[in-house]
PDB file of N, CA and C in Angstrom:
ATOM      1  N   ILE A   1       8.175   8.372 -12.113  1.00  0.00           N
ATOM      2  CA  ILE A   1       8.422   9.907 -11.508  1.00  0.00           C
ATOM      3  C   ILE A   1       9.209   9.825 -10.296  1.00  0.00           C
ATOM      4  N   ASP A   2      10.265  10.491  -9.986  1.00  0.00           N
ATOM      5  CA  ASP A   2      11.018  10.574  -9.047  1.00  0.00           C
ATOM      6  C   ASP A   2      10.939  12.156  -8.570  1.00  0.00           C
ATOM      7  N   ASN A   3      10.021  12.375  -7.790  1.00  0.00           N
ATOM      8  CA  ASN A   3       9.978  13.836  -7.281  1.00  0.00           C
ATOM      9  C   ASN A   3       9.446  14.000  -5.818  1.00  0.00           C
ATOM     10  N   SER A   4       9.481  15.019  -5.299  1.00  0.00           N
ATOM     11  CA  SER A   4       9.177  15.376  -3.861  1.00  0.00           C
ATOM     12  C   SER A   4       8.296  16.538  -3.900  1.00  0.00           C
ATOM     13  N   ARG A   5       7.289  16.478  -2.911  1.00  0.00           N
ATOM     14  CA  ARG A   5       6.186  17.672  -2.859  1.00  0.00           C
ATOM     15  C   ARG A   5       6.218  17.710  -1.250  1.00  0.00           C
ATOM     16  N   SER A   6       6.264  19.086  -1.067  1.00  0.00           N
ATOM     17  CA  SER A   6       5.944  19.479   0.372  1.00  0.00           C
ATOM     18  C   SER A   6       4.377  19.610   0.592  1.00  0.00           C
ATOM     19  N   LEU A   7       4.071  19.097   1.465  1.00  0.00           N
ATOM     20  CA  LEU A   7       2.552  19.134   1.904  1.00  0.00           C
ATOM     21  C   LEU A   7       2.316  19.547   3.386  1.00  0.00           C
ATOM     22  N   ILE A   8       1.076  20.341   3.556  1.00  0.00           N
ATOM     23  CA  ILE A   8       0.784  20.639   4.839  1.00  0.00           C
ATOM     24  C   ILE A   8      -0.751  20.682   5.018  1.00  0.00           C
ATOM     25  N   TYR A   9      -1.260  19.981   5.908  1.00  0.00           N
ATOM     26  CA  TYR A   9      -2.672  19.678   6.296  1.00  0.00           C
ATOM     27  C   TYR A   9      -3.218  21.082   6.912  1.00  0.00           C
ATOM     28  N   VAL A  10      -4.304  21.499   6.499  1.00  0.00           N
ATOM     29  CA  VAL A  10      -4.997  22.823   6.970  1.00  0.00           C
ATOM     30  C   VAL A  10      -4.892  22.932   8.655  1.00  0.00           C
ATOM     31  N   ASP A  11      -5.364  21.712   9.224  1.00  0.00           N
ATOM     32  CA  ASP A  11      -5.345  22.021  10.691  1.00  0.00           C
ATOM     33  C   ASP A  11      -3.893  22.121  11.260  1.00  0.00           C
ATOM     34  N   ASN A  12      -2.743  21.553  10.527  1.00  0.00           N
ATOM     35  CA  ASN A  12      -1.543  21.758  11.033  1.00  0.00           C
ATOM     36  C   ASN A  12      -1.099  23.032  10.702  1.00  0.00           C
ATOM     37  N   PHE A  13      -1.490  23.606   9.460  1.00  0.00           N
ATOM     38  CA  PHE A  13      -1.176  25.122   9.120  1.00  0.00           C
ATOM     39  C   PHE A  13      -1.752  26.087  10.154  1.00  0.00           C
ATOM     40  N   CYS A  14      -2.894  25.936  10.379  1.00  0.00           N
ATOM     41  CA  CYS A  14      -3.551  26.574  11.630  1.00  0.00           C
ATOM     42  C   CYS A  14      -2.786  26.542  12.955  1.00  0.00           C
ATOM     43  N   ASP A  15      -2.420  25.366  13.337  1.00  0.00           N
ATOM     44  CA  ASP A  15      -1.533  25.138  14.373  1.00  0.00           C
ATOM     45  C   ASP A  15      -0.259  25.824  14.429  1.00  0.00           C
ATOM     46  N   ALA A  16       0.311  25.766  13.243  1.00  0.00           N
ATOM     47  CA  ALA A  16       1.567  26.456  12.901  1.00  0.00           C
ATOM     48  C   ALA A  16       1.577  28.185  13.119  1.00  0.00           C
ATOM     49  N   VAL A  17       0.329  28.804  12.688  1.00  0.00           N
ATOM     50  CA  VAL A  17       0.177  30.107  12.784  1.00  0.00           C
ATOM     51  C   VAL A  17      -0.234  30.449  14.253  1.00  0.00           C
ATOM     52  N   CYS A  18      -0.750  29.476  14.875  1.00  0.00           N
ATOM     53  CA  CYS A  18      -1.064  29.874  16.348  1.00  0.00           C
ATOM     54  C   CYS A  18       0.176  29.810  17.207  1.00  0.00           C
ATOM     55  N   THR A  19       1.119  28.816  16.769  1.00  0.00           N
ATOM     56  CA  THR A  19       2.470  28.648  17.300  1.00  0.00           C
ATOM     57  C   THR A  19       3.201  30.016  17.211  1.00  0.00           C
ATOM     58  N   CYS A  20       3.148  30.506  16.003  1.00  0.00           N
ATOM     59  CA  CYS A  20       3.863  31.815  15.755  1.00  0.00           C
ATOM     60  C   CYS A  20       3.348  32.980  16.517  1.00  0.00           C
ATOM     61  N   LEU A  21       2.039  33.019  16.721  1.00  0.00           N
ATOM     62  CA  LEU A  21       1.352  33.889  17.426  1.00  0.00           C
ATOM     63  C   LEU A  21       1.801  34.005  18.946  1.00  0.00           C
ATOM     64  N   LYS A  22       2.126  32.737  19.565  1.00  0.00           N
ATOM     65  CA  LYS A  22       2.334  32.573  20.820  1.00  0.00           C
ATOM     66  C   LYS A  22       3.811  32.627  21.100  1.00  0.00           C
ATOM     67  N   ASN A  23       4.757  32.700  20.122  1.00  0.00           N
ATOM     68  CA  ASN A  23       6.159  32.250  20.330  1.00  0.00           C
ATOM     69  C   ASN A  23       6.974  33.877  20.031  1.00  0.00           C
ATOM     70  N   ASP A  24       7.498  34.293  21.070  1.00  0.00           N
ATOM     71  CA  ASP A  24       8.187  35.455  20.746  1.00  0.00           C
ATOM     72  C   ASP A  24       9.576  35.174  19.581  1.00  0.00           C
ATOM     73  N   ALA A  25       9.922  34.004  19.690  1.00  0.00           N
ATOM     74  CA  ALA A  25      11.072  33.582  18.762  1.00  0.00           C
ATOM     75  C   ALA A  25      10.627  33.963  17.268  1.00  0.00           C
ATOM     76  N   ALA A  26       9.246  33.799  17.075  1.00  0.00           N
ATOM     77  CA  ALA A  26       8.779  33.698  15.685  1.00  0.00           C
ATOM     78  C   ALA A  26       8.198  35.244  15.153  1.00  0.00           C
ATOM     79  N   ARG A  27       8.502  36.251  16.349  1.00  0.00           N
ATOM     80  CA  ARG A  27       7.789  37.691  15.907  1.00  0.00           C
ATOM     81  C   ARG A  27       8.897  38.279  14.972  1.00  0.00           C
ATOM     82  N   ASN A  28       8.103  38.869  13.959  1.00  0.00           N
ATOM     83  CA  ASN A  28       8.745  39.592  12.759  1.00  0.00           C
ATOM     84  C   ASN A  28       9.524  38.723  11.978  1.00  0.00           C
ATOM     85  N   GLN A  29       9.073  37.398  11.778  1.00  0.00           N
ATOM     86  CA  GLN A  29       9.970  36.425  11.041  1.00  0.00           C
ATOM     87  C   GLN A  29       9.056  35.855   9.973  1.00  0.00           C
ATOM     88  N   LEU A  30       9.739  35.354   8.824  1.00  0.00           N
ATOM     89  CA  LEU A  30       8.917  34.770   7.677  1.00  0.00           C
ATOM     90  C   LEU A  30       9.553  33.336   7.737  1.00  0.00           C
ATOM     91  N   PHE A  31       8.491  32.492   7.599  1.00  0.00           N
ATOM     92  CA  PHE A  31       8.833  31.045   7.862  1.00  0.00           C
ATOM     93  C   PHE A  31       8.050  30.372   6.685  1.00  0.00           C
ATOM     94  N   LEU A  32       8.903  29.097   6.149  1.00  0.00           N
ATOM     95  CA  LEU A  32       8.106  28.250   5.554  1.00  0.00           C
ATOM     96  C   LEU A  32       7.890  27.023   6.310  1.00  0.00           C
ATOM     97  N   VAL A  33       6.836  26.292   6.062  1.00  0.00           N
ATOM     98  CA  VAL A  33       6.236  25.172   6.969  1.00  0.00           C
ATOM     99  C   VAL A  33       5.668  24.141   6.181  1.00  0.00           C
ATOM    100  N   LYS A  34       5.809  22.845   6.667  1.00  0.00           N
ATOM    101  CA  LYS A  34       5.314  21.732   6.060  1.00  0.00           C
ATOM    102  C   LYS A  34       5.066  20.542   6.997  1.00  0.00           C
ATOM    103  N   ASP A  35       4.211  19.589   6.567  1.00  0.00           N
ATOM    104  CA  ASP A  35       4.254  18.591   7.327  1.00  0.00           C
ATOM    105  C   ASP A  35       5.130  17.510   6.975  1.00  0.00           C
ATOM    106  N   ILE A  36       5.293  17.045   5.574  1.00  0.00           N
ATOM    107  CA  ILE A  36       6.048  16.061   4.970  1.00  0.00           C
ATOM    108  C   ILE A  36       6.207  16.381   3.782  1.00  0.00           C
ATOM    109  N   ASP A  37       7.381  15.657   3.147  1.00  0.00           N
ATOM    110  CA  ASP A  37       7.839  15.529   1.834  1.00  0.00           C
ATOM    111  C   ASP A  37       7.307  14.202   1.261  1.00  0.00           C
ATOM    112  N   VAL A  38       6.463  14.160   0.054  1.00  0.00           N
ATOM    113  CA  VAL A  38       5.990  12.892  -0.539  1.00  0.00           C
ATOM    114  C   VAL A  38       6.136  13.096  -1.980  1.00  0.00           C
ATOM    115  N   SER A  39       6.455  11.946  -2.630  1.00  0.00           N
ATOM    116  CA  SER A  39       6.433  11.970  -3.965  1.00  0.00           C
ATOM    117  C   SER A  39       5.074  11.824  -4.546  1.00  0.00           C
ATOM    118  N   THR A  40       4.975  12.256  -5.773  1.00  0.00           N
ATOM    119  CA  THR A  40       3.534  12.055  -6.489  1.00  0.00           C
ATOM    120  C   THR A  40       3.144  10.451  -6.243  1.00  0.00           C
ATOM    121  N   ARG A  41       4.033   9.756  -6.584  1.00  0.00           N
ATOM    122  CA  ARG A  41       3.558   8.504  -6.509  1.00  0.00           C
ATOM    123  C   ARG A  41       3.087   7.924  -5.064  1.00  0.00           C
ATOM    124  N   GLN A  42       3.843   8.301  -4.124  1.00  0.00           N
ATOM    125  CA  GLN A  42       3.333   7.971  -2.733  1.00  0.00           C
ATOM    126  C   GLN A  42       2.052   8.568  -2.451  1.00  0.00           C
ATOM    127  N   LEU A  43       1.907   9.886  -2.819  1.00  0.00           N
ATOM    128  CA  LEU A  43       0.837  10.568  -2.482  1.00  0.00           C
ATOM    129  C   LEU A  43      -0.488   9.925  -3.096  1.00  0.00           C
ATOM    130  N   VAL A  44      -0.320   9.440  -4.589  1.00  0.00           N
ATOM    131  CA  VAL A  44      -1.411   8.696  -5.095  1.00  0.00           C
ATOM    132  C   VAL A  44      -1.777   7.369  -4.385  1.00  0.00           C
ATOM    133  N   ALA A  45      -0.653   6.783  -4.143  1.00  0.00           N
ATOM    134  CA  ALA A  45      -0.823   5.275  -3.301  1.00  0.00           C
ATOM    135  C   ALA A  45      -1.597   5.495  -1.914  1.00  0.00           C
ATOM    136  N   GLU A  46      -0.980   6.354  -1.162  1.00  0.00           N
ATOM    137  CA  GLU A  46      -1.751   6.776   0.209  1.00  0.00           C
ATOM    138  C   GLU A  46      -3.216   7.337  -0.044  1.00  0.00           C
ATOM    139  N   LEU A  47      -3.604   8.026  -1.065  1.00  0.00           N
ATOM    140  CA  LEU A  47      -4.803   8.449  -1.328  1.00  0.00           C
ATOM    141  C   LEU A  47      -5.790   7.402  -1.568  1.00  0.00           C
ATOM    142  N   ALA A  48      -5.201   6.433  -2.496  1.00  0.00           N
ATOM    143  CA  ALA A  48      -5.942   5.288  -3.099  1.00  0.00           C
ATOM    144  C   ALA A  48      -6.139   4.373  -1.925  1.00  0.00           C
ATOM    145  N   SER A  49      -5.159   4.146  -1.210  1.00  0.00           N
ATOM    146  CA  SER A  49      -5.560   3.291   0.055  1.00  0.00           C
ATOM    147  C   SER A  49      -6.478   3.713   1.040  1.00  0.00           C
ATOM    148  N   THR A  50      -6.505   5.279   1.249  1.00  0.00           N
ATOM    149  CA  THR A  50      -7.506   5.904   2.138  1.00  0.00           C
ATOM    150  C   THR A  50      -8.877   5.679   1.485  1.00  0.00           C
ATOM    151  N   LEU A  51      -8.910   5.699   0.302  1.00  0.00           N
ATOM    152  CA  LEU A  51     -10.336   5.693  -0.281  1.00  0.00           C
ATOM    153  C   LEU A  51     -10.730   4.122  -0.776  1.00  0.00           C
ATOM    154  N   ALA A  52      -9.889   3.296  -0.061  1.00  0.00           N
ATOM    155  CA  ALA A  52      -9.986   1.785  -0.539  1.00  0.00           C
ATOM    156  C   ALA A  52     -10.038   1.450  -2.047  1.00  0.00           C
ATOM    157  N   LEU A  53      -9.116   2.033  -2.560  1.00  0.00           N
ATOM    158  CA  LEU A  53      -9.086   1.895  -3.978  1.00  0.00           C
ATOM    159  C   LEU A  53      -7.573   1.179  -4.225  1.00  0.00           C
ATOM    160  N   LYS A  54      -7.456   0.639  -5.294  1.00  0.00           N
ATOM    161  CA  LYS A  54      -6.085   0.028  -5.916  1.00  0.00           C
ATOM    162  C   LYS A  54      -5.547   1.050  -6.763  1.00  0.00           C
ATOM    163  N   PRO A  55      -4.402   1.635  -6.480  1.00  0.00           N
ATOM    164  CA  PRO A  55      -3.714   2.480  -7.443  1.00  0.00           C
ATOM    165  C   PRO A  55      -3.141   1.713  -8.684  1.00  0.00           C
ATOM    166  N   ARG A  56      -3.264   2.431  -9.740  1.00  0.00           N
ATOM    167  CA  ARG A  56      -2.986   1.702 -11.000  1.00  0.00           C
ATOM    168  C   ARG A  56      -1.816   2.596 -11.503  1.00  0.00           C
ATOM    169  N   PHE A  57      -0.584   1.938 -11.518  1.00  0.00           N
ATOM    170  CA  PHE A  57       0.673   2.462 -11.875  1.00  0.00           C
ATOM    171  C   PHE A  57       1.228   1.749 -12.988  1.00  0.00           C
ATOM    172  N   PHE A  58       1.710   2.351 -14.058  1.00  0.00           N
ATOM    173  CA  PHE A  58       2.426   1.618 -15.172  1.00  0.00           C
ATOM    174  C   PHE A  58       3.596   2.360 -15.456  1.00  0.00           C
ATOM    175  N   PRO A  59       4.814   1.513 -15.736  1.00  0.00           N
ATOM    176  CA  PRO A  59       6.004   2.400 -16.004  1.00  0.00           C
ATOM    177  C   PRO A  59       6.030   3.007 -17.491  1.00  0.00           C
ATOM    178  N   MET A  60       6.625   4.138 -17.506  1.00  0.00           N
ATOM    179  CA  MET A  60       6.785   4.934 -18.770  1.00  0.00           C
ATOM    180  C   MET A  60       7.995   5.728 -18.741  1.00  0.00           C
ATOM    181  N   PRO A  61       8.929   5.489 -19.540  1.00  0.00           N
ATOM    182  CA  PRO A  61      10.248   6.355 -19.533  1.00  0.00           C
ATOM    183  C   PRO A  61       9.770   7.682 -19.495  1.00  0.00           C
ATOM    184  N   MET A  62      10.326   8.526 -18.883  1.00  0.00           N
ATOM    185  CA  MET A  62      10.097   9.974 -18.731  1.00  0.00           C
ATOM    186  C   MET A  62      10.338  10.736 -20.042  1.00  0.00           C
ATOM    187  N   TYR A  63      11.213  10.353 -20.766  1.00  0.00           N
ATOM    188  CA  TYR A  63      11.348  11.008 -22.157  1.00  0.00           C
ATOM    189  C   TYR A  63      10.191  10.714 -23.049  1.00  0.00           C
ATOM    190  N   LEU A  64       9.581   9.634 -22.845  1.00  0.00           N
ATOM    191  CA  LEU A  64       8.345   9.304 -23.575  1.00  0.00           C
ATOM    192  C   LEU A  64       7.207  10.167 -23.334  1.00  0.00           C
ATOM    193  N   LEU A  65       7.202  10.067 -21.835  1.00  0.00           N
ATOM    194  CA  LEU A  65       6.016  10.986 -21.436  1.00  0.00           C
ATOM    195  C   LEU A  65       5.978  12.417 -21.716  1.00  0.00           C
ATOM    196  N   LYS A  66       7.284  13.067 -21.627  1.00  0.00           N
ATOM    197  CA  LYS A  66       7.431  14.394 -22.040  1.00  0.00           C
ATOM    198  C   LYS A  66       7.382  14.573 -23.579  1.00  0.00           C
ATOM    199  N   TRP A  67       7.753  13.689 -24.223  1.00  0.00           N
ATOM    200  CA  TRP A  67       7.363  13.659 -25.775  1.00  0.00           C
ATOM    201  C   TRP A  67       5.846  13.825 -26.097  1.00  0.00           C
ATOM    202  N   LEU A  68       5.136  12.742 -25.613  1.00  0.00           N
ATOM    203  CA  LEU A  68       3.709  12.671 -25.856  1.00  0.00           C
ATOM    204  C   LEU A  68       3.097  13.776 -25.423  1.00  0.00           C
ATOM    205  N   THR A  69       3.489  14.428 -24.167  1.00  0.00           N
ATOM    206  CA  THR A  69       2.837  15.553 -23.532  1.00  0.00           C
ATOM    207  C   THR A  69       2.951  16.620 -24.225  1.00  0.00           C
ATOM    208  N   PHE A  70       4.171  16.931 -24.809  1.00  0.00           N
ATOM    209  CA  PHE A  70       4.713  17.967 -25.826  1.00  0.00           C
ATOM    210  C   PHE A  70       3.700  18.152 -26.748  1.00  0.00           C
ATOM    211  N   PHE A  71       3.604  16.864 -27.502  1.00  0.00           N
ATOM    212  CA  PHE A  71       2.725  16.919 -28.882  1.00  0.00           C
ATOM    213  C   PHE A  71       1.216  17.283 -28.549  1.00  0.00           C
ATOM    214  N   ALA A  72       0.756  16.855 -27.257  1.00  0.00           N
ATOM    215  CA  ALA A  72      -0.593  17.126 -26.956  1.00  0.00           C
ATOM    216  C   ALA A  72      -0.686  18.269 -26.481  1.00  0.00           C
ATOM    217  N   GLY A  73       0.356  19.122 -26.099  1.00  0.00           N
ATOM    218  CA  GLY A  73       0.073  20.449 -25.692  1.00  0.00           C
ATOM    219  C   GLY A  73      -0.086  20.681 -24.172  1.00  0.00           C
ATOM    220  N   TYR A  74       0.749  19.485 -23.347  1.00  0.00           N
ATOM    221  CA  TYR A  74       0.492  19.425 -21.969  1.00  0.00           C
ATOM    222  C   TYR A  74       1.931  19.418 -21.384  1.00  0.00           C
ATOM    223  N   SER A  75       2.917  19.852 -22.187  1.00  0.00           N
ATOM    224  CA  SER A  75       4.384  19.748 -21.502  1.00  0.00           C
ATOM    225  C   SER A  75       4.545  20.506 -20.314  1.00  0.00           C
ATOM    226  N   GLU A  76       3.886  21.750 -20.286  1.00  0.00           N
ATOM    227  CA  GLU A  76       3.935  22.615 -19.058  1.00  0.00           C
ATOM    228  C   GLU A  76       3.506  22.162 -17.939  1.00  0.00           C
ATOM    229  N   LYS A  77       2.195  21.412 -18.107  1.00  0.00           N
ATOM    230  CA  LYS A  77       1.522  20.773 -16.959  1.00  0.00           C
ATOM    231  C   LYS A  77       2.108  19.460 -16.559  1.00  0.00           C
ATOM    232  N   ILE A  78       2.799  18.854 -17.222  1.00  0.00           N
ATOM    233  CA  ILE A  78       3.553  17.470 -17.027  1.00  0.00           C
ATOM    234  C   ILE A  78       4.821  17.884 -16.387  1.00  0.00           C
ATOM    235  N   ASP A  79       5.390  19.084 -16.757  1.00  0.00           N
ATOM    236  CA  ASP A  79       6.509  19.474 -15.994  1.00  0.00           C
ATOM    237  C   ASP A  79       6.165  19.708 -14.461  1.00  0.00           C
ATOM    238  N   LYS A  80       5.247  20.475 -14.369  1.00  0.00           N
ATOM    239  CA  LYS A  80       4.868  20.812 -12.940  1.00  0.00           C
ATOM    240  C   LYS A  80       4.386  19.669 -12.079  1.00  0.00           C
ATOM    241  N   LEU A  81       3.815  18.643 -12.885  1.00  0.00           N
ATOM    242  CA  LEU A  81       3.309  17.312 -11.966  1.00  0.00           C
ATOM    243  C   LEU A  81       4.735  16.450 -11.571  1.00  0.00           C
ATOM    244  N   THR A  82       5.548  16.460 -12.501  1.00  0.00           N
ATOM    245  CA  THR A  82       6.763  15.439 -12.393  1.00  0.00           C
ATOM    246  C   THR A  82       7.963  16.036 -11.520  1.00  0.00           C
ATOM    247  N   SER A  83       8.026  17.429 -11.687  1.00  0.00           N
ATOM    248  CA  SER A  83       9.010  18.030 -10.959  1.00  0.00           C
ATOM    249  C   SER A  83       8.755  18.140  -9.385  1.00  0.00           C
ATOM    250  N   SER A  84       9.988  18.500  -8.756  1.00  0.00           N
ATOM    251  CA  SER A  84      10.021  18.482  -7.304  1.00  0.00           C
ATOM    252  C   SER A  84       9.653  19.876  -6.777  1.00  0.00           C
ATOM    253  N   LEU A  85       8.973  19.983  -5.624  1.00  0.00           N
ATOM    254  CA  LEU A  85       8.507  21.331  -5.051  1.00  0.00           C
ATOM    255  C   LEU A  85       8.641  21.169  -3.603  1.00  0.00           C
ATOM    256  N   THR A  86       9.719  21.524  -3.022  1.00  0.00           N
ATOM    257  CA  THR A  86       9.628  21.449  -1.540  1.00  0.00           C
ATOM    258  C   THR A  86      10.278  22.682  -0.760  1.00  0.00           C
ATOM    259  N   VAL A  87      10.010  22.587   0.509  1.00  0.00           N
ATOM    260  CA  VAL A  87      10.453  23.766   1.233  1.00  0.00           C
ATOM    261  C   VAL A  87      11.211  23.334   2.358  1.00  0.00           C
ATOM    262  N   ASP A  88      12.005  24.127   2.994  1.00  0.00           N
ATOM    263  CA  ASP A  88      12.777  23.635   4.082  1.00  0.00           C
ATOM    264  C   ASP A  88      12.297  24.673   5.151  1.00  0.00           C
ATOM    265  N   ASP A  89      11.670  23.801   6.299  1.00  0.00           N
ATOM    266  CA  ASP A  89      11.182  24.562   7.410  1.00  0.00           C
ATOM    267  C   ASP A  89      12.060  24.194   8.752  1.00  0.00           C
ATOM    268  N   HIS A  90      13.217  23.908   8.522  1.00  0.00           N
ATOM    269  CA  HIS A  90      14.189  23.531   9.619  1.00  0.00           C
ATOM    270  C   HIS A  90      14.032  24.746  10.520  1.00  0.00           C
ATOM    271  N   LEU A  91      14.365  25.999   9.837  1.00  0.00           N
ATOM    272  CA  LEU A  91      14.212  27.291  10.847  1.00  0.00           C
ATOM    273  C   LEU A  91      13.045  27.372  11.761  1.00  0.00           C
ATOM    274  N   PHE A  92      11.843  27.189  11.118  1.00  0.00           N
ATOM    275  CA  PHE A  92      10.646  27.404  11.709  1.00  0.00           C
ATOM    276  C   PHE A  92      10.584  26.239  12.916  1.00  0.00           C
ATOM    277  N   ARG A  93      10.910  25.065  12.605  1.00  0.00           N
ATOM    278  CA  ARG A  93      10.825  24.008  13.679  1.00  0.00           C
ATOM    279  C   ARG A  93      11.924  24.276  14.831  1.00  0.00           C
ATOM    280  N   MET A  94      13.087  24.772  14.221  1.00  0.00           N
ATOM    281  CA  MET A  94      14.189  24.958  15.353  1.00  0.00           C
ATOM    282  C   MET A  94      13.704  26.114  16.367  1.00  0.00           C
ATOM    283  N   ARG A  95      13.208  27.242  15.609  1.00  0.00           N
ATOM    284  CA  ARG A  95      12.889  28.470  16.652  1.00  0.00           C
ATOM    285  C   ARG A  95      11.784  28.142  17.361  1.00  0.00           C
ATOM    286  N   THR A  96      10.699  27.424  16.826  1.00  0.00           N
ATOM    287  CA  THR A  96       9.350  27.403  17.614  1.00  0.00           C
ATOM    288  C   THR A  96       9.153  26.081  18.260  1.00  0.00           C
ATOM    289  N   GLY A  97       9.970  25.092  17.900  1.00  0.00           N
ATOM    290  CA  GLY A  97       9.744  23.527  18.313  1.00  0.00           C
ATOM    291  C   GLY A  97       8.493  23.013  17.756  1.00  0.00           C
ATOM    292  N   TRP A  98       7.869  23.542  16.898  1.00  0.00           N
ATOM    293  CA  TRP A  98       6.563  22.954  16.254  1.00  0.00           C
ATOM    294  C   TRP A  98       6.792  21.643  15.582  1.00  0.00           C
ATOM    295  N   GLU A  99       5.772  20.807  15.836  1.00  0.00           N
ATOM    296  CA  GLU A  99       5.772  19.467  14.944  1.00  0.00           C
ATOM    297  C   GLU A  99       4.099  19.480  14.544  1.00  0.00           C
ATOM    298  N   PRO A 100       3.899  18.921  13.432  1.00  0.00           N
ATOM    299  CA  PRO A 100       2.642  18.572  13.041  1.00  0.00           C
ATOM    300  C   PRO A 100       1.775  18.060  14.102  1.00  0.00           C
ATOM    301  N   VAL A 101       0.532  18.487  14.281  1.00  0.00           N
ATOM    302  CA  VAL A 101      -0.312  17.983  15.368  1.00  0.00           C
ATOM    303  C   VAL A 101      -1.024  16.522  14.747  1.00  0.00           C
ATOM    304  N   ILE A 102      -1.197  16.584  13.507  1.00  0.00           N
ATOM    305  CA  ILE A 102      -1.922  15.373  12.792  1.00  0.00           C
ATOM    306  C   ILE A 102      -0.979  14.871  11.891  1.00  0.00           C
ATOM    307  N   ASP A 103      -0.988  13.502  11.842  1.00  0.00           N
ATOM    308  CA  ASP A 103       0.192  12.991  11.043  1.00  0.00           C
ATOM    309  C   ASP A 103      -0.510  12.697   9.423  1.00  0.00           C
ATOM    310  N   PHE A 104       0.431  12.412   8.595  1.00  0.00           N
ATOM    311  CA  PHE A 104       0.163  12.487   7.289  1.00  0.00           C
ATOM    312  C   PHE A 104      -1.049  11.546   6.916  1.00  0.00           C
ATOM    313  N   LYS A 105      -1.070  10.249   7.321  1.00  0.00           N
ATOM    314  CA  LYS A 105      -2.162   9.504   6.974  1.00  0.00           C
ATOM    315  C   LYS A 105      -3.453   9.795   7.513  1.00  0.00           C
ATOM    316  N   GLU A 106      -3.527  10.275   8.844  1.00  0.00           N
ATOM    317  CA  GLU A 106      -4.801  10.846   9.385  1.00  0.00           C
ATOM    318  C   GLU A 106      -5.222  12.083   8.668  1.00  0.00           C
ATOM    319  N   SER A 107      -4.219  12.861   8.194  1.00  0.00           N
ATOM    320  CA  SER A 107      -4.688  13.997   7.468  1.00  0.00           C
ATOM    321  C   SER A 107      -5.310  13.827   5.908  1.00  0.00           C
ATOM    322  N   LEU A 108      -4.883  12.862   5.348  1.00  0.00           N
ATOM    323  CA  LEU A 108      -5.342  12.219   4.309  1.00  0.00           C
ATOM    324  C   LEU A 108      -6.692  11.496   4.323  1.00  0.00           C
ATOM    325  N   LYS A 109      -6.877  10.976   5.740  1.00  0.00           N
ATOM    326  CA  LYS A 109      -8.163  10.304   5.807  1.00  0.00           C
ATOM    327  C   LYS A 109      -9.366  11.451   5.958  1.00  0.00           C
ATOM    328  N   LYS A 110      -8.801  12.502   6.827  1.00  0.00           N
ATOM    329  CA  LYS A 110      -9.851  13.602   7.043  1.00  0.00           C
ATOM    330  C   LYS A 110     -10.181  14.238   5.723  1.00  0.00           C
ATOM    331  N   THR A 111      -8.932  14.453   5.084  1.00  0.00           N
ATOM    332  CA  THR A 111      -9.483  15.305   3.665  1.00  0.00           C
ATOM    333  C   THR A 111     -10.368  14.237   2.848  1.00  0.00           C
ATOM    334  N   THR A 112     -10.149  13.055   2.631  1.00  0.00           N
ATOM    335  CA  THR A 112     -11.086  12.289   1.891  1.00  0.00           C
ATOM    336  C   THR A 112     -12.451  12.032   2.541  1.00  0.00           C
ATOM    337  N   ASP A 113     -12.433  11.988   3.585  1.00  0.00           N
ATOM    338  CA  ASP A 113     -13.782  11.857   4.145  1.00  0.00           C
ATOM    339  C   ASP A 113     -14.660  13.143   3.980  1.00  0.00           C
ATOM    340  N   TRP A 114     -13.746  14.323   4.218  1.00  0.00           N
ATOM    341  CA  TRP A 114     -14.414  15.442   3.841  1.00  0.00           C
ATOM    342  C   TRP A 114     -14.899  15.619   2.500  1.00  0.00           C
ATOM    343  N   TYR A 115     -13.967  15.237   1.519  1.00  0.00           N
ATOM    344  CA  TYR A 115     -14.234  15.125   0.252  1.00  0.00           C
ATOM    345  C   TYR A 115     -15.541  14.242  -0.193  1.00  0.00           C
ATOM    346  N   LYS A 116     -15.514  13.031   0.369  1.00  0.00           N
ATOM    347  CA  LYS A 116     -16.668  12.292   0.111  1.00  0.00           C
ATOM    348  C   LYS A 116     -18.002  12.748   0.626  1.00  0.00           C
ATOM    349  N   SER A 117     -18.155  13.426   1.898  1.00  0.00           N
ATOM    350  CA  SER A 117     -19.423  13.972   2.498  1.00  0.00           C
ATOM    351  C   SER A 117     -19.670  15.204   1.580  1.00  0.00           C
ATOM    352  N   ASN A 118     -18.652  15.907   1.012  1.00  0.00           N
ATOM    353  CA  ASN A 118     -19.213  17.073   0.324  1.00  0.00           C
ATOM    354  C   ASN A 118     -19.484  16.780  -1.176  1.00  0.00           C
ATOM    355  N   SER A 119     -19.012  15.775  -1.652  1.00  0.00           N
ATOM    356  CA  SER A 119     -19.144  15.622  -3.230  1.00  0.00           C
ATOM    357  C   SER A 119     -20.462  14.942  -3.324  1.00  0.00           C
ATOM    358  N   LEU A 120     -20.904  14.148  -2.383  1.00  0.00           N
ATOM    359  CA  LEU A 120     -22.217  13.622  -2.498  1.00  0.00           C
ATOM    360  C   LEU A 120     -23.390  14.422  -2.458  1.00  0.00           C
ATOM    361  N   LYS A 121     -23.215  15.988  -1.850  1.00  0.00           N
ATOM    362  CA  LYS A 121     -24.049  16.818  -1.800  1.00  0.00           C
ATOM    363  C   LYS A 121     -24.395  17.509  -3.105  1.00  0.00           C
ATOM    364  N   GLN A 122     -23.671  17.319  -4.095  1.00  0.00           N
ATOM    365  CA  GLN A 122     -23.871  17.852  -5.340  1.00  0.00           C
ATOM    366  C   GLN A 122     -24.508  17.136  -6.248  1.00  0.00           C
TER     367      GLN A 122
END
């Protein structure tokens, strides 16, 4: 799968909103914002690393994956998973000077720590 996804960590999103509220250049504007663009494979690998797990990847031709998921009734879901979905936040960063306050690896660590502490309560 060769795709790219724009992601933003919740604390970075809150910081971006605060930046807009404090910055006159952002007044009455609509912006897209992101931390980083990552592939699904990179995201899975980084999450596995953060959870101290070994990711399990195996090669499969895209045509075969699409064919199998079509017959299983999951073609729409696999299309969403394998396609790219990115945003261009250049205008936002240019006008406000904003940069993410928490980097990608740290945000994944915080997210997985939160998940582990909350999933044990159930």
